[in-house]
């Protein structure tokens, strides 16, 4: 590593990071991109097929039972929902819950519209600081997941943090989990892959600390400090 290169920030202890995530609160529901507010704080997007466990994952990470709406009708959520993070009412990061995709009962026209909204968001959202793609490891990455990977690949190659999160890991044997993780790491295309179980709290601390690091990037040492008032 060249001299004067800033080291990645080490996340605080797990208790502190979980307390930060627990501050999550609903910010806005945006059915289209133009309804999203212009924000300067880092934004972390959660994407994945319907039934991949996205809402459950967000609720588990934030220790809130109904922050992200887990519909009994997969594919029902049609909007991007933003949740603000930050202690004492301040906002230092945002979580973005994107619509689940790929559910068979949803009309094709609606599927295409949601997919286009998500693709445009992932390509153009200026404050996007990381993407978490949730995947049921028993199914693996599907064609729709692969299509989403292609959309964000240029931004990942430019340095956008990306994580394939294999949910429902408690349903796998040790050998199955190892195989699924190895495949996901190959498919992540420069991103990371981790196992996660909301039921067993597997991977909870590691993912929470990773999100904190994404939301708190290192400060460029060459940037002069602001003048004191």
Foldseek 3Di string as FASTA:
>chain_A
DDPLDDDQDFFDALVVLLVQLLQWAWDDWALAPVPDDQDQFAEEEEAEAFPLCRQLLSCLSNVHDPRDPNDPDAQPDRTWTKIFTDPPPDGRYIYIYQHHADDPVDDPVSRVVSLVRVLCCLQDRPRHLEYEYGGALVVAQDPSNLVSCVSNLVVVVVPREYEYEHEPCVVDDPVSSVVSLVVCCVSNNNYHYDYQYSVVRPCSSVVSRVVVSSRPGDDNPPDDDDDDD
